[in-house]
């Protein structure tokens, strides 16, 4: 039996009552976090162009376009909202799986819930929890160096699980949907490597694919069954080496949503260890940017491969800059913070940033062999006066080992809302916080969606 059947059974058989309180708290926390990031992401490059394109194509008005308003067919709404959730590199992440699970599962589930109508908060919570569990367990089973864009390709399975749960699909239909989804998944690291705008749209393609897959399954379209372990299944073609024993061994008894972590900074998650260490060094030793002669970041192979890049131009794209440790750390040492505005407009070409970035290099820590590890990571700062300071991290801020406080979580949410929510009704941020806090009492999830669109 292909492992996808085990995951599918877990999706179909899980009920709201089976989810522990801790898993429900985590699900609510990251629903709110993801929606806040979505509001901010409405202003990112490419968002407006995508929305206008999808509006031009038209179709049955089923599901809301967040922040922009209006409705589109559910697949298009899921795609657009997913893109806005991911395009700032600010959305939550499961570090072990290297997956942003809410960015596919949540927009797909919300889109079909709104289109169907009458879907309760309990159903949404259950759907998102099983969706996150599916995508992260698949991602964490890989033992290979990442080549495909896991937030998209693994996230697609989680989005399909969430949509099927919202729609109340039986085991046969859900299994068929997974096969139909597998024929659509997409996303490589080439756009990540080059820092192009399409990189952040890869979650959207897969959220859309999940909605389509479940709809096709409901119309009895046949699909392959060896989705994960077949001759041409996901693990052989997309990953290579894998081990499902841990993922399947705890399936249905523990919930991976509890191991999802916040992203405190709007840059690639793999930059965050360096950012946290640099902020600590800057504060502890009162380091001024003009004093710095050199900065060395020693990091695991995953970090060096994906964000250890050198800035080859002084006019980088926003996507490239936020995935480049030297550029991100330059902002940190210059002003003690890094935020969305550091990857917009003239901030991208600031000569001070690029002069300092040229002094920062990233090297692989030869002692780390795990191809999917984010830590340990060390930052070494050498000043012109000869003083040297170092900071080593074995866990990254925002991870389950070092979670954000509720105050920090809400601070991030409000900053995001302030950045992109100027056209949303006053007070909706507070209303959304209260609604998500008591999501299990909501009878129709349309209440949530209405808080994310402008007044008529």
Protein backbone atom coordinates (compact mmCIF):
# COMPACT_ATOMS: atom_id res chain seq x y z
CA UNK A 1 0.00 0.00 0.00
CA UNK A 2 1.34 3.42 -0.95
CA UNK A 3 1.90 5.68 2.06
CA UNK A 4 -0.53 8.23 0.65
CA UNK A 5 -3.33 5.91 1.81
CA UNK A 6 -2.17 6.24 5.41
CA UNK A 7 -2.19 10.00 5.15
CA UNK A 8 -5.58 9.98 3.45
CA UNK A 9 -7.11 7.75 6.14
CA UNK A 10 -5.85 10.18 8.78
CA UNK A 11 -7.48 13.07 6.95
CA UNK A 12 -10.86 11.36 6.61
CA UNK A 13 -11.04 9.83 10.08
CA UNK A 14 -9.81 12.79 12.14
CA UNK A 15 -12.55 14.75 13.91
CA UNK A 16 -12.43 18.08 15.72
CA UNK A 17 -12.84 16.25 19.03
CA UNK A 18 -9.69 14.22 18.37
CA UNK A 19 -7.47 17.31 18.20
CA UNK A 20 -5.77 18.18 21.51
CA UNK A 21 -6.20 21.69 22.88
CA UNK A 22 -2.53 22.46 22.19
CA UNK A 23 -2.96 21.64 18.49
CA UNK A 24 -6.06 23.82 18.27
CA UNK A 25 -4.22 26.74 19.91
CA UNK A 26 -1.36 26.38 17.43
CA UNK A 27 -3.76 26.20 14.49
CA UNK A 28 -5.53 29.38 15.60
CA UNK A 29 -2.22 31.15 16.23
CA UNK A 30 -0.95 30.51 12.72
CA UNK A 31 -4.26 31.15 11.01
CA UNK A 32 -4.12 34.66 12.46
CA UNK A 33 -0.42 35.04 11.66
CA UNK A 34 -0.97 33.94 8.06
CA UNK A 35 -3.92 36.27 7.51
CA UNK A 36 -1.92 39.21 8.87
CA UNK A 37 0.93 38.42 6.50
CA UNK A 38 -1.59 38.14 3.66
CA UNK A 39 -2.82 41.68 4.31
CA UNK A 40 0.74 43.00 4.16
CA UNK A 41 1.47 40.87 1.09
CA UNK A 42 -1.28 42.61 -0.87
CA UNK A 43 1.20 45.46 -1.46
CA UNK A 44 4.10 43.31 -2.68
CA UNK A 45 5.36 43.45 -6.27
CA UNK A 46 3.24 41.34 -8.59
CA UNK A 47 0.19 41.06 -6.33
CA UNK A 48 -1.82 43.76 -8.09
CA UNK A 49 -0.89 42.45 -11.54
CA UNK A 50 -1.97 38.92 -10.59
CA UNK A 51 -5.28 40.11 -9.15
CA UNK A 52 -6.05 42.17 -12.26
CA UNK A 53 -5.22 39.23 -14.51
CA UNK A 54 -7.47 36.85 -12.59
CA UNK A 55 -10.27 39.40 -12.48
CA UNK A 56 -9.98 39.81 -16.23
CA UNK A 57 -10.46 36.10 -16.73
CA UNK A 58 -13.60 36.29 -14.60
CA UNK A 59 -15.81 33.32 -13.78
CA UNK A 60 -18.31 32.39 -11.10
CA UNK A 61 -17.91 34.75 -8.08
CA UNK A 62 -17.43 32.20 -5.28
CA UNK A 63 -14.60 33.23 -2.97
CA UNK A 64 -13.16 36.53 -1.75
CA UNK A 65 -9.96 38.22 -2.82
CA UNK A 66 -8.52 39.36 0.50
CA UNK A 67 -7.67 43.04 0.92
CA UNK A 68 -8.65 43.78 -2.71
CA UNK A 69 -12.29 42.74 -2.48
CA UNK A 70 -14.56 41.14 -5.02
CA UNK A 71 -14.97 37.42 -5.67
CA UNK A 72 -13.54 34.90 -8.12
CA UNK A 73 -13.92 31.18 -8.75
CA UNK A 74 -12.54 29.26 -5.76
CA UNK A 75 -9.35 28.02 -7.52
CA UNK A 76 -8.35 31.55 -8.54
CA UNK A 77 -9.13 33.02 -5.12
CA UNK A 78 -7.08 30.29 -3.45
CA UNK A 79 -4.19 31.06 -5.78
CA UNK A 80 -4.25 34.83 -5.32
CA UNK A 81 -4.62 34.70 -1.54
CA UNK A 82 -1.85 32.11 -1.26
CA UNK A 83 0.52 34.32 -3.24
CA UNK A 84 -0.20 37.25 -0.91
CA UNK A 85 0.47 34.99 2.08
CA UNK A 86 3.90 33.99 0.79
CA UNK A 87 5.30 36.83 -1.31
CA UNK A 88 6.90 38.67 1.62
CA UNK A 89 8.74 35.59 2.96
CA UNK A 90 7.02 36.35 6.28
CA UNK A 91 4.71 33.31 6.59
CA UNK A 92 5.09 30.62 9.23
CA UNK A 93 7.22 27.55 8.58
CA UNK A 94 7.83 23.99 9.73
CA UNK A 95 11.62 23.99 9.99
CA UNK A 96 12.16 20.24 9.93
CA UNK A 97 10.03 19.78 6.80
CA UNK A 98 11.23 23.04 5.20
CA UNK A 99 7.58 23.73 4.34
CA UNK A 100 5.32 26.78 4.76
CA UNK A 101 2.23 24.65 5.39
CA UNK A 102 -0.42 27.30 6.11
CA UNK A 103 0.25 29.15 2.87
CA UNK A 104 -1.31 26.37 0.81
CA UNK A 105 -3.73 24.67 3.22
CA UNK A 106 -5.38 27.82 4.59
CA UNK A 107 -6.23 29.74 1.39
CA UNK A 108 -7.47 26.59 -0.34
CA UNK A 109 -9.64 25.60 2.64
CA UNK A 110 -11.05 29.11 3.04
CA UNK A 111 -11.81 29.46 -0.66
CA UNK A 112 -13.87 26.27 -0.84
CA UNK A 113 -15.48 26.92 2.55
CA UNK A 114 -16.71 30.31 1.38
CA UNK A 115 -17.86 28.91 -1.95
CA UNK A 116 -19.75 26.07 -0.29
CA UNK A 117 -21.23 28.21 2.49
CA UNK A 118 -22.22 27.18 5.99
CA UNK A 119 -18.81 25.76 6.92
CA UNK A 120 -18.14 26.08 10.64
CA UNK A 121 -15.04 27.20 12.46
CA UNK A 122 -14.61 23.71 13.89
CA UNK A 123 -14.55 22.27 10.37
CA UNK A 124 -11.97 24.83 9.25
CA UNK A 125 -9.74 24.17 12.25
CA UNK A 126 -9.86 20.44 11.64
CA UNK A 127 -9.22 20.83 7.91
CA UNK A 128 -6.23 23.10 8.39
CA UNK A 129 -4.75 20.89 11.11
CA UNK A 130 -4.92 17.73 8.98
CA UNK A 131 -3.65 19.69 5.97
CA UNK A 132 -0.62 20.94 7.88
CA UNK A 133 -0.01 17.45 9.25
CA UNK A 134 -0.04 15.96 5.76
CA UNK A 135 2.33 18.39 4.06
CA UNK A 136 4.83 18.57 6.90
CA UNK A 137 5.04 14.81 7.45
CA UNK A 138 5.76 14.31 3.76
CA UNK A 139 8.39 17.06 3.84
CA UNK A 140 10.10 15.85 7.01
CA UNK A 141 10.47 12.35 5.51
CA UNK A 142 12.96 13.52 2.91
CA UNK A 143 16.61 12.68 3.48
CA UNK A 144 17.88 14.40 0.36
CA UNK A 145 19.17 17.84 -0.52
CA UNK A 146 16.23 20.00 -1.53
CA UNK A 147 15.87 20.57 -5.29
CA UNK A 148 12.16 21.22 -5.68
CA UNK A 149 10.26 23.97 -3.89
CA UNK A 150 8.85 22.06 -0.90
CA UNK A 151 6.45 24.80 0.24
CA UNK A 152 4.73 24.23 -3.10
CA UNK A 153 5.10 20.54 -3.84
CA UNK A 154 4.57 19.28 -0.27
CA UNK A 155 2.14 22.06 0.49
CA UNK A 156 -0.04 20.84 -2.38
CA UNK A 157 -0.76 17.57 -0.58
CA UNK A 158 -1.68 19.46 2.57
CA UNK A 159 -3.95 21.82 0.66
CA UNK A 160 -5.73 18.86 -0.94
CA UNK A 161 -6.21 17.26 2.47
CA UNK A 162 -7.67 20.50 3.83
CA UNK A 163 -10.04 21.00 0.88
CA UNK A 164 -11.23 17.41 1.01
CA UNK A 165 -11.92 17.77 4.74
CA UNK A 166 -13.89 20.98 4.24
CA UNK A 167 -15.93 19.29 1.51
CA UNK A 168 -16.59 16.22 3.67
CA UNK A 169 -15.10 13.83 1.11
CA UNK A 170 -15.04 10.10 1.80
CA UNK A 171 -11.93 7.95 1.69
CA UNK A 172 -12.26 6.98 -1.97
CA UNK A 173 -12.76 10.56 -3.16
CA UNK A 174 -9.94 11.93 -1.00
CA UNK A 175 -7.55 9.26 -2.24
CA UNK A 176 -8.49 10.01 -5.84
CA UNK A 177 -7.96 13.73 -5.19
CA UNK A 178 -4.39 13.05 -4.03
CA UNK A 179 -3.65 11.28 -7.30
CA UNK A 180 -5.22 14.09 -9.30
CA UNK A 181 -3.21 16.60 -7.31
CA UNK A 182 0.04 14.74 -7.97
CA UNK A 183 -0.37 15.29 -11.70
CA UNK A 184 -0.44 19.06 -11.09
CA UNK A 185 2.17 19.80 -8.42
CA UNK A 186 4.93 22.19 -9.40
CA UNK A 187 7.78 24.29 -8.13
CA UNK A 188 11.55 24.15 -8.44
CA UNK A 189 14.31 26.06 -6.70
CA UNK A 190 15.48 27.77 -9.89
CA UNK A 191 13.29 30.82 -9.30
CA UNK A 192 14.42 30.83 -5.65
CA UNK A 193 18.04 30.65 -6.81
CA UNK A 194 17.61 33.56 -9.21
CA UNK A 195 15.35 35.59 -6.91
CA UNK A 196 12.51 36.07 -9.37
CA UNK A 197 8.98 37.15 -8.58
CA UNK A 198 7.44 33.85 -9.70
CA UNK A 199 9.10 32.08 -6.76
CA UNK A 200 6.48 33.33 -4.31
CA UNK A 201 3.69 32.35 -6.70
CA UNK A 202 4.56 28.65 -6.57
CA UNK A 203 2.49 28.13 -3.41
CA UNK A 204 -0.43 29.74 -5.23
CA UNK A 205 -0.19 27.37 -8.18
CA UNK A 206 -0.43 24.45 -5.77
CA UNK A 207 -3.27 25.87 -3.67
CA UNK A 208 -5.21 26.29 -6.92
CA UNK A 209 -4.31 22.75 -7.99
CA UNK A 210 -5.67 21.35 -4.73
CA UNK A 211 -9.08 22.96 -5.26
CA UNK A 212 -9.20 21.62 -8.81
CA UNK A 213 -8.05 18.15 -7.74
CA UNK A 214 -10.87 17.72 -5.23
CA UNK A 215 -13.44 19.01 -7.71
CA UNK A 216 -12.23 16.54 -10.34
CA UNK A 217 -12.28 13.72 -7.80
CA UNK A 218 -15.89 14.51 -6.99
CA UNK A 219 -16.64 14.07 -10.70
CA UNK A 220 -15.10 10.57 -10.72
CA UNK A 221 -11.99 11.41 -12.76
CA UNK A 222 -9.55 8.54 -12.24
CA UNK A 223 -6.02 9.06 -10.93
CA UNK A 224 -2.81 7.17 -10.05
CA UNK A 225 -2.55 5.52 -6.65
CA UNK A 226 1.22 5.19 -6.14
CA UNK A 227 1.48 8.88 -5.43
CA UNK A 228 4.32 8.85 -2.90
CA UNK A 229 6.18 5.56 -3.28
CA UNK A 230 5.26 4.39 -6.77
CA UNK A 231 7.78 3.87 -9.57
CA UNK A 232 7.23 7.47 -10.60
CA UNK A 233 5.90 8.67 -7.26
CA UNK A 234 6.77 11.83 -5.40
CA UNK A 235 9.66 10.53 -3.32
CA UNK A 236 11.51 8.88 -6.20
CA UNK A 237 11.15 11.81 -8.58
CA UNK A 238 11.15 14.86 -6.32
CA UNK A 239 13.26 13.85 -3.32
CA UNK A 240 15.32 10.71 -3.88
CA UNK A 241 16.25 9.46 -0.42
CA UNK A 242 13.46 9.28 2.14
CA UNK A 243 12.35 7.58 5.34
CA UNK A 244 8.66 7.56 6.29
CA UNK A 245 8.99 5.59 9.52
CA UNK A 246 8.88 8.58 11.90
CA UNK A 247 6.12 10.35 9.98
CA UNK A 248 3.88 7.32 9.82
CA UNK A 249 4.76 6.06 13.30
CA UNK A 250 3.15 9.01 15.07
CA UNK A 251 0.43 9.75 12.51
CA UNK A 252 -2.85 10.47 14.27
CA UNK A 253 -1.28 10.62 17.74
CA UNK A 254 0.83 13.78 17.51
CA UNK A 255 0.16 16.90 15.47
CA UNK A 256 2.83 18.65 13.46
CA UNK A 257 0.98 21.96 13.63
CA UNK A 258 2.49 22.21 17.10
CA UNK A 259 5.96 22.25 15.52
CA UNK A 260 5.19 25.08 13.12
CA UNK A 261 7.12 28.24 13.94
CA UNK A 262 6.71 31.97 13.47
CA UNK A 263 8.90 33.95 11.12
CA UNK A 264 9.90 37.03 13.14
CA UNK A 265 11.56 38.65 10.12
CA UNK A 266 10.31 39.11 6.51
CA UNK A 267 13.21 37.31 4.90
CA UNK A 268 13.98 33.71 3.97
CA UNK A 269 13.63 31.49 7.02
CA UNK A 270 17.16 30.25 6.48
CA UNK A 271 18.46 33.79 7.06
CA UNK A 272 16.83 33.97 10.48
CA UNK A 273 19.55 32.28 12.49
CA UNK A 274 22.08 34.76 11.16
CA UNK A 275 19.70 37.67 11.81
CA UNK A 276 19.04 36.60 15.40
CA UNK A 277 22.75 36.12 16.14
CA UNK A 278 23.67 39.43 14.50
CA UNK A 279 21.00 41.32 16.46
CA UNK A 280 22.31 39.80 19.69
CA UNK A 281 25.93 40.72 18.90
CA UNK A 282 24.97 44.25 17.86
CA UNK A 283 23.06 44.78 21.11
CA UNK A 284 25.48 43.03 23.50
CA UNK A 285 28.60 44.77 22.20
CA UNK A 286 27.04 48.02 20.93
CA UNK A 287 28.52 47.38 17.49
CA UNK A 288 28.24 50.26 15.03
CA UNK A 289 28.14 49.43 11.34
CA UNK A 290 31.16 51.62 10.47
CA UNK A 291 33.30 49.61 12.94
CA UNK A 292 32.84 46.33 11.07
CA UNK A 293 35.75 44.99 9.07
CA UNK A 294 34.34 41.54 8.30
CA UNK A 295 31.47 39.22 9.21
CA UNK A 296 31.61 35.44 8.77
CA UNK A 297 28.53 33.25 9.01
CA UNK A 298 29.19 29.52 9.51
CA UNK A 299 26.08 27.57 8.59
CA UNK A 300 24.71 24.12 7.64
CA UNK A 301 24.60 23.13 3.95
CA UNK A 302 20.89 23.95 3.52
CA UNK A 303 21.57 27.53 4.60
CA UNK A 304 24.69 28.02 2.51
CA UNK A 305 23.06 26.45 -0.56
CA UNK A 306 19.89 28.53 -0.50
CA UNK A 307 20.66 31.88 1.17
CA UNK A 308 24.44 32.04 1.41
CA UNK A 309 24.51 33.82 -1.92
CA UNK A 310 26.67 36.83 -2.74
CA UNK A 311 25.01 39.96 -4.08
CA UNK A 312 26.15 40.17 -7.71
CA UNK A 313 24.36 43.45 -8.41
CA UNK A 314 23.52 46.61 -6.54
CA UNK A 315 20.03 46.57 -7.99
CA UNK A 316 18.71 43.22 -6.69
CA UNK A 317 15.09 42.16 -6.86
CA UNK A 318 13.17 42.15 -3.61
CA UNK A 319 12.99 38.37 -3.79
CA UNK A 320 16.76 38.03 -4.21
CA UNK A 321 17.56 40.50 -1.43
CA UNK A 322 15.43 38.83 1.23
CA UNK A 323 17.03 35.47 0.37
CA UNK A 324 20.59 36.84 0.67
CA UNK A 325 22.23 36.69 4.11
CA UNK A 326 24.77 39.47 3.38
CA UNK A 327 22.06 41.94 2.33
CA UNK A 328 19.71 41.01 5.18
CA UNK A 329 22.49 41.26 7.78
CA UNK A 330 23.60 44.61 6.39
CA UNK A 331 20.17 46.01 7.31
CA UNK A 332 20.44 44.45 10.77
CA UNK A 333 23.85 45.96 11.52
CA UNK A 334 22.89 49.34 10.09
CA UNK A 335 19.70 49.88 12.08
CA UNK A 336 19.04 46.97 14.40
CA UNK A 337 15.95 45.72 12.58
CA UNK A 338 14.78 44.24 9.31
CA UNK A 339 11.23 44.75 8.03
CA UNK A 340 9.13 44.69 4.88
CA UNK A 341 10.17 48.21 3.86
CA UNK A 342 13.82 47.12 3.65
CA UNK A 343 12.96 45.23 0.47
CA UNK A 344 11.06 47.99 -1.28
CA UNK A 345 12.02 50.95 -3.47
CA UNK A 346 15.29 52.73 -2.79
CA UNK A 347 16.12 50.44 0.14
CA UNK A 348 17.05 47.78 -2.42
CA UNK A 349 19.78 49.95 -3.91
CA UNK A 350 20.99 51.75 -0.76
CA UNK A 351 24.81 52.05 -1.17
CA UNK A 352 25.36 51.74 2.59
CA UNK A 353 23.62 48.38 2.56
CA UNK A 354 25.64 47.06 -0.37
CA UNK A 355 28.96 48.38 0.96
CA UNK A 356 28.39 46.55 4.24
CA UNK A 357 27.02 43.41 2.51
CA UNK A 358 30.34 43.15 0.64
CA UNK A 359 32.04 42.58 4.01
CA UNK A 360 29.77 39.65 4.92
CA UNK A 361 30.42 36.10 3.74
CA UNK A 362 28.82 32.73 4.39
CA UNK A 363 30.71 29.46 4.68
CA UNK A 364 29.56 25.91 5.18
CA UNK A 365 30.10 24.38 8.61
CA UNK A 366 31.88 21.17 7.64
CA UNK A 367 30.77 19.51 10.86
CA UNK A 368 27.08 19.51 9.85
CA UNK A 369 26.08 16.68 7.53
CA UNK A 370 22.28 16.93 7.71
CA UNK A 371 21.12 18.32 4.35
CA UNK A 372 17.91 19.71 5.87
CA UNK A 373 19.22 21.29 9.09
CA UNK A 374 19.02 25.01 9.87
CA UNK A 375 21.29 24.90 12.92
CA UNK A 376 23.83 25.01 14.46
CA UNK A 377 24.82 28.39 13.08
CA UNK A 378 27.49 30.87 14.16
CA UNK A 379 28.14 34.53 13.36
CA UNK A 380 31.63 35.99 13.84
CA UNK A 381 32.19 39.76 13.70
CA UNK A 382 35.65 41.27 13.35
CA UNK A 383 36.00 45.04 13.95
CA UNK A 384 38.58 47.41 12.50
CA UNK A 385 40.14 47.77 15.96
CA UNK A 386 40.84 44.02 16.07
CA UNK A 387 38.07 43.06 18.50
CA UNK A 388 36.21 39.89 17.56
CA UNK A 389 32.83 38.68 18.76
CA UNK A 390 30.95 35.44 18.07
CA UNK A 391 27.46 34.05 18.64
CA UNK A 392 26.34 30.45 18.14
CA UNK A 393 22.71 29.32 17.89
CA UNK A 394 21.35 25.83 18.32
CA UNK A 395 17.70 26.91 17.91
CA UNK A 396 16.18 29.79 15.95
CA UNK A 397 13.73 32.39 17.26
CA UNK A 398 10.17 31.53 16.33
CA UNK A 399 10.78 27.78 16.37
CA UNK A 400 8.95 25.54 18.88
CA UNK A 401 12.14 25.52 20.96
CA UNK A 402 12.18 29.36 21.08
CA UNK A 403 8.58 30.44 20.37
CA UNK A 404 7.42 34.01 20.04
CA UNK A 405 5.45 35.33 22.98
CA UNK A 406 1.80 36.17 22.39
CA UNK A 407 2.71 39.85 22.64
CA UNK A 408 5.34 39.47 19.91
CA UNK A 409 2.90 37.43 17.79
CA UNK A 410 0.27 40.18 18.00
CA UNK A 411 2.88 42.90 17.43
CA UNK A 412 3.83 41.24 14.16
CA UNK A 413 0.16 40.90 13.19
CA UNK A 414 -0.55 44.60 13.80
CA UNK A 415 2.59 45.70 11.91
CA UNK A 416 1.48 43.64 8.93
CA UNK A 417 -2.06 45.01 9.09
CA UNK A 418 -0.77 48.56 9.29
CA UNK A 419 1.46 47.94 6.27
CA UNK A 420 -1.24 46.63 3.93
CA UNK A 421 -4.64 47.12 5.50
CA UNK A 422 -5.25 50.83 4.88
CA UNK A 423 -8.34 50.07 2.79
CA UNK A 424 -9.87 47.67 5.29
CA UNK A 425 -12.49 48.93 7.79
CA UNK A 426 -11.17 50.40 11.02
CA UNK A 427 -11.39 47.91 13.85
CA UNK A 428 -11.32 44.83 11.64
CA UNK A 429 -7.90 43.82 12.91
CA UNK A 430 -9.20 43.59 16.48
CA UNK A 431 -12.37 41.85 15.30
CA UNK A 432 -10.32 39.28 13.41
CA UNK A 433 -8.16 38.55 16.46
CA UNK A 434 -11.27 37.99 18.58
CA UNK A 435 -12.96 35.83 15.95
CA UNK A 436 -9.95 33.56 15.44
CA UNK A 437 -9.50 33.28 19.21
CA UNK A 438 -12.99 31.74 19.38
CA UNK A 439 -13.09 30.15 15.94
CA UNK A 440 -14.70 26.98 17.28
CA UNK A 441 -17.85 29.05 18.04
CA UNK A 442 -18.19 30.44 14.49
CA UNK A 443 -21.06 28.84 12.58
CA UNK A 444 -20.16 30.21 9.15
CA UNK A 445 -16.59 30.92 8.11
CA UNK A 446 -17.86 33.65 5.81
CA UNK A 447 -17.70 35.91 8.90
CA UNK A 448 -13.92 35.64 8.83
CA UNK A 449 -13.66 36.32 5.10
CA UNK A 450 -15.74 39.48 5.35
CA UNK A 451 -13.25 41.00 7.81
CA UNK A 452 -10.55 40.77 5.15
CA UNK A 453 -12.24 42.75 2.38
CA UNK A 454 -12.92 46.51 1.99
CA UNK A 455 -16.32 47.91 2.80
CA UNK A 456 -18.69 48.08 -0.20
